[in-house]
Amino acid sequence: MIHLITGGQRCGKSEFAEKLTLEQSNNPVYLATSRVWDDGHRARIEAHKARRGEQWESIEEEKTLSSHDFTGRVILLDCITLWLTNIFFDNGEQDEKTLEEAKAELDQILAQNCDWIIVSNEVGLGGHPGNEIAMRFNDLQGLINQYIAAKADRVSLVISGIPVEIKSPQ
């Protein structure tokens, strides 16, 4: 089962995803993808960690998600946007390489025999970016969200803390 949860920044995606994950498992995996970019971002990461209880197995992995075996587990991957940011900046001006690398990694992890709850930002909801780098990233993020959504059994959009089901299991 793959459940993609998307929405704008600070809309309640992670809290919703954490609640769903705990409803499915007493010992889920929290797969965190963020790099620490600055002190403010470190504080956000620490707030996320403090919100989680001891039942979570936390794994921090910036890029190579497939280096872990999640067979039989319920995994909350938070978040695709930060993970794609890591690949994007490591690849410099090579957007096609970023897209192919991200798709290949997603194909490997989503083929594992486990349940995924995946958080991603719907960056296109935030208005038109003010610079070329942000525009390139928004384009890549939109493509990756579409790629995951096509593979997902369920897709939810969170708006102001309220989840709206976009795609349901058939």
N, C-alpha and C. Protein backbone atom coordinates (compact mmCIF):
# COMPACT_ATOMS: atom_id res chain seq x y z
N MET A 1 0.84 -1.18 0.00
CA MET A 1 0.00 0.00 0.00
C MET A 1 0.88 1.24 0.00
N ILE A 2 0.57 2.17 -0.86
CA ILE A 2 1.27 3.45 -0.92
C ILE A 2 0.23 4.54 -0.74
N HIS A 3 0.45 5.39 0.26
CA HIS A 3 -0.44 6.52 0.53
C HIS A 3 0.39 7.79 0.46
N LEU A 4 0.13 8.61 -0.55
CA LEU A 4 0.80 9.91 -0.70
C LEU A 4 -0.05 10.97 -0.02
N ILE A 5 0.59 11.75 0.84
CA ILE A 5 -0.06 12.86 1.52
C ILE A 5 0.65 14.13 1.10
N THR A 6 -0.09 15.02 0.46
CA THR A 6 0.51 16.25 -0.04
C THR A 6 -0.29 17.45 0.42
N GLY A 7 0.27 18.62 0.24
CA GLY A 7 -0.38 19.86 0.63
C GLY A 7 0.64 20.97 0.70
N GLY A 8 0.20 22.15 1.04
CA GLY A 8 1.09 23.30 1.15
C GLY A 8 1.95 23.23 2.39
N GLN A 9 2.87 24.15 2.48
CA GLN A 9 3.78 24.22 3.62
C GLN A 9 3.01 24.53 4.90
N ARG A 10 3.32 23.80 5.97
CA ARG A 10 2.75 24.01 7.31
C ARG A 10 1.24 23.81 7.37
N CYS A 11 0.72 22.89 6.54
CA CYS A 11 -0.73 22.66 6.48
C CYS A 11 -1.20 21.54 7.40
N GLY A 12 -0.27 20.81 8.02
CA GLY A 12 -0.65 19.70 8.90
C GLY A 12 -0.43 18.33 8.30
N LYS A 13 0.33 18.26 7.20
CA LYS A 13 0.59 16.98 6.52
C LYS A 13 1.27 15.97 7.45
N SER A 14 2.33 16.40 8.10
CA SER A 14 3.10 15.47 8.92
C SER A 14 2.30 14.94 10.10
N GLU A 15 1.54 15.80 10.75
CA GLU A 15 0.73 15.35 11.88
C GLU A 15 -0.31 14.33 11.43
N PHE A 16 -0.95 14.60 10.30
CA PHE A 16 -1.93 13.67 9.74
C PHE A 16 -1.25 12.35 9.40
N ALA A 17 -0.08 12.41 8.77
CA ALA A 17 0.65 11.20 8.38
C ALA A 17 1.07 10.40 9.60
N GLU A 18 1.54 11.06 10.63
CA GLU A 18 1.95 10.37 11.86
C GLU A 18 0.77 9.64 12.49
N LYS A 19 -0.38 10.30 12.54
CA LYS A 19 -1.58 9.68 13.12
C LYS A 19 -1.98 8.44 12.32
N LEU A 20 -2.01 8.55 11.00
CA LEU A 20 -2.35 7.40 10.16
C LEU A 20 -1.37 6.25 10.34
N THR A 21 -0.11 6.59 10.40
CA THR A 21 0.93 5.56 10.55
C THR A 21 0.76 4.80 11.86
N LEU A 22 0.50 5.52 12.94
CA LEU A 22 0.33 4.87 14.24
C LEU A 22 -0.95 4.04 14.30
N GLU A 23 -1.93 4.36 13.48
CA GLU A 23 -3.14 3.54 13.40
C GLU A 23 -2.84 2.20 12.71
N GLN A 24 -1.78 2.14 11.92
CA GLN A 24 -1.44 0.93 11.17
C GLN A 24 -0.37 0.09 11.84
N SER A 25 0.40 0.67 12.74
CA SER A 25 1.51 -0.07 13.34
C SER A 25 1.83 0.45 14.73
N ASN A 26 2.20 -0.48 15.62
CA ASN A 26 2.67 -0.10 16.95
C ASN A 26 4.15 0.21 16.98
N ASN A 27 4.87 -0.15 15.89
CA ASN A 27 6.31 0.08 15.82
C ASN A 27 6.69 0.48 14.40
N PRO A 28 6.22 1.66 13.95
CA PRO A 28 6.51 2.08 12.58
C PRO A 28 7.91 2.67 12.44
N VAL A 29 8.30 2.85 11.20
CA VAL A 29 9.57 3.49 10.86
C VAL A 29 9.29 4.92 10.44
N TYR A 30 10.03 5.85 11.00
CA TYR A 30 9.98 7.24 10.56
C TYR A 30 11.25 7.48 9.75
N LEU A 31 11.09 7.59 8.44
CA LEU A 31 12.22 7.78 7.53
C LEU A 31 12.32 9.28 7.23
N ALA A 32 13.25 9.92 7.90
CA ALA A 32 13.44 11.37 7.79
C ALA A 32 14.53 11.66 6.76
N THR A 33 14.25 12.62 5.87
CA THR A 33 15.15 12.86 4.74
C THR A 33 15.88 14.20 4.78
N SER A 34 15.62 15.00 5.77
CA SER A 34 16.12 16.37 5.76
C SER A 34 17.59 16.49 6.14
N ARG A 35 18.26 17.37 5.44
CA ARG A 35 19.57 17.86 5.88
C ARG A 35 19.31 19.03 6.81
N VAL A 36 20.25 19.32 7.65
CA VAL A 36 20.14 20.48 8.52
C VAL A 36 20.76 21.66 7.75
N TRP A 37 19.89 22.57 7.31
CA TRP A 37 20.34 23.68 6.47
C TRP A 37 20.79 24.88 7.30
N ASP A 38 20.16 25.10 8.45
CA ASP A 38 20.50 26.24 9.31
C ASP A 38 19.88 25.99 10.69
N ASP A 39 20.08 26.92 11.61
CA ASP A 39 19.58 26.75 12.97
C ASP A 39 18.05 26.71 13.02
N GLY A 40 17.39 27.50 12.21
CA GLY A 40 15.93 27.48 12.17
C GLY A 40 15.39 26.15 11.70
N HIS A 41 16.06 25.59 10.69
CA HIS A 41 15.63 24.29 10.19
C HIS A 41 15.91 23.19 11.21
N ARG A 42 17.03 23.31 11.91
CA ARG A 42 17.35 22.35 12.98
C ARG A 42 16.26 22.36 14.04
N ALA A 43 15.75 23.55 14.38
CA ALA A 43 14.68 23.65 15.38
C ALA A 43 13.41 22.96 14.90
N ARG A 44 13.09 23.06 13.61
CA ARG A 44 11.91 22.38 13.06
C ARG A 44 12.09 20.87 13.12
N ILE A 45 13.29 20.40 12.82
CA ILE A 45 13.58 18.97 12.89
C ILE A 45 13.43 18.47 14.32
N GLU A 46 13.95 19.22 15.27
CA GLU A 46 13.86 18.83 16.68
C GLU A 46 12.41 18.82 17.16
N ALA A 47 11.59 19.74 16.67
CA ALA A 47 10.17 19.76 17.03
C ALA A 47 9.47 18.51 16.50
N HIS A 48 9.82 18.10 15.28
CA HIS A 48 9.25 16.87 14.71
C HIS A 48 9.64 15.67 15.58
N LYS A 49 10.92 15.61 15.95
CA LYS A 49 11.39 14.49 16.78
C LYS A 49 10.68 14.46 18.13
N ALA A 50 10.52 15.61 18.75
CA ALA A 50 9.90 15.69 20.08
C ALA A 50 8.45 15.24 20.04
N ARG A 51 7.79 15.42 18.91
CA ARG A 51 6.39 15.05 18.77
C ARG A 51 6.20 13.54 18.71
N ARG A 52 7.23 12.83 18.31
CA ARG A 52 7.13 11.37 18.15
C ARG A 52 7.43 10.67 19.47
N GLY A 53 6.75 9.57 19.69
CA GLY A 53 6.97 8.76 20.88
C GLY A 53 8.03 7.70 20.65
N GLU A 54 8.23 6.91 21.68
CA GLU A 54 9.27 5.88 21.65
C GLU A 54 8.95 4.71 20.74
N GLN A 55 7.68 4.58 20.31
CA GLN A 55 7.30 3.45 19.47
C GLN A 55 7.87 3.57 18.05
N TRP A 56 8.34 4.75 17.68
CA TRP A 56 8.89 4.97 16.35
C TRP A 56 10.34 4.50 16.27
N GLU A 57 10.67 3.82 15.18
CA GLU A 57 12.07 3.59 14.84
C GLU A 57 12.45 4.67 13.85
N SER A 58 13.36 5.55 14.24
CA SER A 58 13.73 6.67 13.37
C SER A 58 14.99 6.36 12.57
N ILE A 59 14.91 6.63 11.28
CA ILE A 59 16.05 6.48 10.38
C ILE A 59 16.20 7.80 9.64
N GLU A 60 17.40 8.36 9.67
CA GLU A 60 17.68 9.58 8.93
C GLU A 60 18.49 9.20 7.70
N GLU A 61 17.94 9.52 6.52
CA GLU A 61 18.60 9.16 5.26
C GLU A 61 18.35 10.28 4.26
N GLU A 62 19.40 10.97 3.87
CA GLU A 62 19.27 12.14 3.00
C GLU A 62 18.97 11.80 1.55
N LYS A 63 19.47 10.68 1.04
CA LYS A 63 19.30 10.41 -0.38
C LYS A 63 19.05 8.95 -0.73
N THR A 64 19.84 8.04 -0.20
CA THR A 64 19.81 6.65 -0.63
C THR A 64 18.80 5.85 0.20
N LEU A 65 17.54 6.10 -0.03
CA LEU A 65 16.48 5.45 0.73
C LEU A 65 16.51 3.94 0.56
N SER A 66 16.90 3.48 -0.62
CA SER A 66 16.91 2.05 -0.92
C SER A 66 18.04 1.29 -0.23
N SER A 67 18.88 1.98 0.50
CA SER A 67 19.94 1.28 1.24
C SER A 67 19.39 0.59 2.49
N HIS A 68 18.10 0.76 2.75
CA HIS A 68 17.45 0.16 3.91
C HIS A 68 16.42 -0.87 3.46
N ASP A 69 16.29 -1.94 4.25
CA ASP A 69 15.29 -2.98 3.97
C ASP A 69 14.11 -2.76 4.92
N PHE A 70 12.96 -2.45 4.34
CA PHE A 70 11.76 -2.16 5.13
C PHE A 70 10.72 -3.27 5.03
N THR A 71 11.12 -4.43 4.59
CA THR A 71 10.19 -5.53 4.38
C THR A 71 9.29 -5.75 5.60
N GLY A 72 7.98 -5.79 5.34
CA GLY A 72 7.00 -6.07 6.38
C GLY A 72 6.69 -4.93 7.32
N ARG A 73 7.26 -3.76 7.09
CA ARG A 73 7.09 -2.63 8.01
C ARG A 73 6.10 -1.60 7.45
N VAL A 74 5.69 -0.70 8.32
CA VAL A 74 4.94 0.49 7.92
C VAL A 74 5.91 1.66 8.05
N ILE A 75 6.10 2.37 6.94
CA ILE A 75 7.10 3.43 6.90
C ILE A 75 6.44 4.76 6.60
N LEU A 76 6.76 5.75 7.41
CA LEU A 76 6.39 7.14 7.13
C LEU A 76 7.63 7.81 6.58
N LEU A 77 7.58 8.18 5.32
CA LEU A 77 8.68 8.89 4.66
C LEU A 77 8.35 10.38 4.67
N ASP A 78 9.11 11.15 5.42
CA ASP A 78 8.84 12.58 5.58
C ASP A 78 10.14 13.35 5.40
N CYS A 79 10.38 13.99 4.30
CA CYS A 79 9.43 14.19 3.23
C CYS A 79 10.14 14.13 1.88
N ILE A 80 9.36 13.89 0.86
CA ILE A 80 9.87 13.81 -0.51
C ILE A 80 10.49 15.14 -0.95
N THR A 81 9.89 16.24 -0.55
CA THR A 81 10.39 17.55 -0.98
C THR A 81 11.81 17.79 -0.48
N LEU A 82 12.08 17.48 0.78
CA LEU A 82 13.43 17.68 1.31
C LEU A 82 14.41 16.69 0.70
N TRP A 83 13.94 15.46 0.47
CA TRP A 83 14.77 14.45 -0.18
C TRP A 83 15.15 14.89 -1.59
N LEU A 84 14.17 15.37 -2.36
CA LEU A 84 14.43 15.84 -3.72
C LEU A 84 15.35 17.06 -3.70
N THR A 85 15.21 17.90 -2.70
CA THR A 85 16.09 19.06 -2.55
C THR A 85 17.54 18.61 -2.45
N ASN A 86 17.79 17.56 -1.67
CA ASN A 86 19.16 17.05 -1.52
C ASN A 86 19.72 16.58 -2.85
N ILE A 87 18.94 15.83 -3.60
CA ILE A 87 19.38 15.34 -4.91
C ILE A 87 19.58 16.51 -5.86
N PHE A 88 18.63 17.44 -5.88
CA PHE A 88 18.67 18.61 -6.76
C PHE A 88 19.95 19.42 -6.56
N PHE A 89 20.26 19.76 -5.32
CA PHE A 89 21.44 20.59 -5.08
C PHE A 89 22.74 19.81 -5.29
N ASP A 90 22.74 18.52 -5.01
CA ASP A 90 23.94 17.72 -5.26
C ASP A 90 24.23 17.56 -6.75
N ASN A 91 23.19 17.64 -7.59
CA ASN A 91 23.38 17.48 -9.04
C ASN A 91 23.55 18.80 -9.77
N GLY A 92 23.53 19.91 -9.08
CA GLY A 92 23.77 21.20 -9.72
C GLY A 92 22.77 21.52 -10.81
N GLU A 93 23.25 21.81 -11.98
CA GLU A 93 22.41 22.24 -13.10
C GLU A 93 21.83 21.08 -13.90
N GLN A 94 21.94 19.86 -13.42
CA GLN A 94 21.52 18.68 -14.18
C GLN A 94 20.13 18.21 -13.75
N ASP A 95 19.11 18.93 -14.19
CA ASP A 95 17.75 18.61 -13.77
C ASP A 95 17.28 17.24 -14.26
N GLU A 96 17.65 16.88 -15.48
CA GLU A 96 17.24 15.57 -16.00
C GLU A 96 17.89 14.45 -15.19
N LYS A 97 19.13 14.63 -14.80
CA LYS A 97 19.82 13.65 -13.95
C LYS A 97 19.10 13.55 -12.60
N THR A 98 18.70 14.67 -12.04
CA THR A 98 17.98 14.68 -10.76
C THR A 98 16.68 13.90 -10.88
N LEU A 99 15.93 14.15 -11.94
CA LEU A 99 14.66 13.48 -12.15
C LEU A 99 14.84 11.97 -12.30
N GLU A 100 15.80 11.57 -13.11
CA GLU A 100 16.04 10.14 -13.33
C GLU A 100 16.54 9.45 -12.06
N GLU A 101 17.44 10.11 -11.33
CA GLU A 101 17.95 9.55 -10.07
C GLU A 101 16.82 9.37 -9.06
N ALA A 102 15.96 10.37 -8.95
CA ALA A 102 14.84 10.30 -8.01
C ALA A 102 13.87 9.19 -8.40
N LYS A 103 13.52 9.10 -9.67
CA LYS A 103 12.60 8.05 -10.12
C LYS A 103 13.19 6.66 -9.89
N ALA A 104 14.46 6.49 -10.17
CA ALA A 104 15.10 5.18 -9.98
C ALA A 104 15.09 4.79 -8.50
N GLU A 105 15.37 5.74 -7.63
CA GLU A 105 15.37 5.46 -6.19
C GLU A 105 13.95 5.14 -5.72
N LEU A 106 12.97 5.89 -6.19
CA LEU A 106 11.58 5.62 -5.83
C LEU A 106 11.14 4.24 -6.31
N ASP A 107 11.53 3.87 -7.52
CA ASP A 107 11.17 2.54 -8.03
C ASP A 107 11.72 1.44 -7.13
N GLN A 108 12.93 1.63 -6.63
CA GLN A 108 13.53 0.61 -5.75
C GLN A 108 12.80 0.52 -4.41
N ILE A 109 12.52 1.66 -3.79
CA ILE A 109 11.90 1.59 -2.46
C ILE A 109 10.44 1.18 -2.53
N LEU A 110 9.73 1.64 -3.55
CA LEU A 110 8.31 1.32 -3.63
C LEU A 110 8.07 -0.13 -4.04
N ALA A 111 9.11 -0.80 -4.51
CA ALA A 111 9.01 -2.22 -4.85
C ALA A 111 9.16 -3.11 -3.61
N GLN A 112 9.63 -2.54 -2.50
CA GLN A 112 9.77 -3.33 -1.28
C GLN A 112 8.40 -3.74 -0.76
N ASN A 113 8.34 -4.90 -0.14
CA ASN A 113 7.09 -5.45 0.39
C ASN A 113 6.80 -4.83 1.76
N CYS A 114 6.23 -3.61 1.72
CA CYS A 114 5.92 -2.89 2.95
C CYS A 114 4.85 -1.86 2.63
N ASP A 115 4.39 -1.15 3.65
CA ASP A 115 3.39 -0.10 3.47
C ASP A 115 4.06 1.26 3.63
N TRP A 116 3.76 2.15 2.67
CA TRP A 116 4.36 3.47 2.64
C TRP A 116 3.32 4.55 2.90
N ILE A 117 3.65 5.47 3.78
CA ILE A 117 2.92 6.73 3.91
C ILE A 117 3.97 7.79 3.60
N ILE A 118 3.74 8.53 2.52
CA ILE A 118 4.74 9.44 1.98
C ILE A 118 4.22 10.87 2.03
N VAL A 119 4.99 11.75 2.64
CA VAL A 119 4.63 13.16 2.74
C VAL A 119 5.41 13.95 1.69
N SER A 120 4.71 14.85 1.00
CA SER A 120 5.34 15.70 0.01
C SER A 120 4.64 17.05 -0.03
N ASN A 121 5.35 18.07 -0.43
CA ASN A 121 4.76 19.40 -0.56
C ASN A 121 4.22 19.61 -1.96
N GLU A 122 3.10 20.26 -2.01
CA GLU A 122 2.51 20.68 -3.28
C GLU A 122 3.01 22.10 -3.51
N VAL A 123 4.27 22.21 -3.97
CA VAL A 123 4.94 23.51 -4.04
C VAL A 123 4.28 24.47 -5.02
N GLY A 124 3.55 23.98 -5.99
CA GLY A 124 2.87 24.83 -6.95
C GLY A 124 1.73 25.63 -6.34
N LEU A 125 1.32 25.29 -5.14
CA LEU A 125 0.25 26.03 -4.46
C LEU A 125 0.76 27.36 -3.89
N GLY A 126 2.07 27.51 -3.82
CA GLY A 126 2.66 28.68 -3.16
C GLY A 126 2.87 29.88 -4.05
N GLY A 127 2.40 29.88 -5.27
CA GLY A 127 2.61 31.02 -6.15
C GLY A 127 3.82 30.80 -7.04
N HIS A 128 4.04 31.73 -7.92
CA HIS A 128 5.14 31.63 -8.89
C HIS A 128 6.46 31.98 -8.22
N PRO A 129 7.46 31.08 -8.33
CA PRO A 129 8.76 31.35 -7.70
C PRO A 129 9.42 32.60 -8.29
N GLY A 130 10.21 33.24 -7.46
CA GLY A 130 10.84 34.49 -7.87
C GLY A 130 12.19 34.36 -8.55
N ASN A 131 12.68 33.12 -8.71
CA ASN A 131 13.98 32.98 -9.36
C ASN A 131 14.04 31.67 -10.14
N GLU A 132 15.06 31.55 -10.99
CA GLU A 132 15.18 30.40 -11.88
C GLU A 132 15.38 29.08 -11.13
N ILE A 133 16.20 29.08 -10.09
CA ILE A 133 16.45 27.84 -9.35
C ILE A 133 15.16 27.33 -8.71
N ALA A 134 14.41 28.22 -8.09
CA ALA A 134 13.15 27.82 -7.46
C ALA A 134 12.16 27.31 -8.51
N MET A 135 12.13 27.93 -9.67
CA MET A 135 11.22 27.49 -10.74
C MET A 135 11.61 26.10 -11.23
N ARG A 136 12.90 25.86 -11.41
CA ARG A 136 13.37 24.54 -11.84
C ARG A 136 13.00 23.49 -10.81
N PHE A 137 13.20 23.81 -9.52
CA PHE A 137 12.87 22.86 -8.48
C PHE A 137 11.37 22.60 -8.44
N ASN A 138 10.56 23.63 -8.54
CA ASN A 138 9.10 23.45 -8.54
C ASN A 138 8.67 22.51 -9.66
N ASP A 139 9.26 22.68 -10.84
CA ASP A 139 8.93 21.80 -11.96
C ASP A 139 9.27 20.35 -11.62
N LEU A 140 10.46 20.12 -11.07
CA LEU A 140 10.87 18.76 -10.70
C LEU A 140 9.97 18.19 -9.60
N GLN A 141 9.64 19.00 -8.60
CA GLN A 141 8.79 18.53 -7.51
C GLN A 141 7.42 18.13 -8.03
N GLY A 142 6.87 18.94 -8.93
CA GLY A 142 5.58 18.60 -9.51
C GLY A 142 5.62 17.29 -10.27
N LEU A 143 6.70 17.06 -11.02
CA LEU A 143 6.84 15.81 -11.76
C LEU A 143 6.98 14.61 -10.83
N ILE A 144 7.74 14.76 -9.76
CA ILE A 144 7.92 13.66 -8.80
C ILE A 144 6.62 13.38 -8.07
N ASN A 145 5.88 14.41 -7.69
CA ASN A 145 4.59 14.18 -7.04
C ASN A 145 3.65 13.41 -7.96
N GLN A 146 3.63 13.77 -9.23
CA GLN A 146 2.79 13.06 -10.20
C GLN A 146 3.24 11.61 -10.34
N TYR A 147 4.55 11.39 -10.32
CA TYR A 147 5.11 10.04 -10.45
C TYR A 147 4.67 9.16 -9.28
N ILE A 148 4.76 9.70 -8.07
CA ILE A 148 4.36 8.94 -6.88
C ILE A 148 2.85 8.74 -6.87
N ALA A 149 2.10 9.79 -7.18
CA ALA A 149 0.64 9.70 -7.16
C ALA A 149 0.13 8.64 -8.13
N ALA A 150 0.79 8.50 -9.28
CA ALA A 150 0.38 7.48 -10.24
C ALA A 150 0.57 6.07 -9.68
N LYS A 151 1.58 5.88 -8.83
CA LYS A 151 1.86 4.58 -8.24
C LYS A 151 1.07 4.35 -6.95
N ALA A 152 0.59 5.41 -6.36
CA ALA A 152 -0.07 5.34 -5.05
C ALA A 152 -1.45 4.71 -5.13
N ASP A 153 -1.80 3.98 -4.07
CA ASP A 153 -3.14 3.44 -3.91
C ASP A 153 -4.10 4.51 -3.42
N ARG A 154 -3.55 5.42 -2.63
CA ARG A 154 -4.36 6.48 -2.01
C ARG A 154 -3.55 7.77 -2.04
N VAL A 155 -4.25 8.89 -2.30
CA VAL A 155 -3.63 10.21 -2.26
C VAL A 155 -4.54 11.13 -1.46
N SER A 156 -3.96 11.83 -0.48
CA SER A 156 -4.70 12.79 0.32
C SER A 156 -4.05 14.16 0.19
N LEU A 157 -4.88 15.18 0.11
CA LEU A 157 -4.44 16.57 0.11
C LEU A 157 -4.87 17.17 1.44
N VAL A 158 -3.92 17.75 2.18
CA VAL A 158 -4.24 18.36 3.46
C VAL A 158 -4.31 19.87 3.27
N ILE A 159 -5.44 20.43 3.68
CA ILE A 159 -5.67 21.86 3.57
C ILE A 159 -6.05 22.38 4.95
N SER A 160 -5.26 23.27 5.50
CA SER A 160 -5.54 23.86 6.82
C SER A 160 -5.82 22.79 7.87
N GLY A 161 -5.04 21.70 7.83
CA GLY A 161 -5.17 20.63 8.81
C GLY A 161 -6.27 19.63 8.50
N ILE A 162 -7.00 19.83 7.41
CA ILE A 162 -8.10 18.93 7.07
C ILE A 162 -7.71 18.09 5.85
N PRO A 163 -7.67 16.77 6.01
CA PRO A 163 -7.33 15.90 4.88
C PRO A 163 -8.53 15.71 3.94
N VAL A 164 -8.26 15.79 2.65
CA VAL A 164 -9.26 15.56 1.61
C VAL A 164 -8.74 14.42 0.75
N GLU A 165 -9.53 13.37 0.61
CA GLU A 165 -9.10 12.23 -0.19
C GLU A 165 -9.22 12.56 -1.67
N ILE A 166 -8.12 12.41 -2.40
CA ILE A 166 -8.05 12.72 -3.82
C ILE A 166 -8.14 11.43 -4.65
N LYS A 167 -7.52 10.38 -4.14
CA LYS A 167 -7.49 9.09 -4.84
C LYS A 167 -7.71 7.99 -3.81
N SER A 168 -8.65 7.10 -4.07
CA SER A 168 -8.97 6.01 -3.15
C SER A 168 -8.57 4.68 -3.76
N PRO A 169 -8.33 3.67 -2.90
CA PRO A 169 -8.03 2.34 -3.44
C PRO A 169 -9.19 1.84 -4.30
N GLN A 170 -8.86 1.17 -5.36
CA GLN A 170 -9.88 0.67 -6.30
C GLN A 170 -10.52 -0.59 -5.77
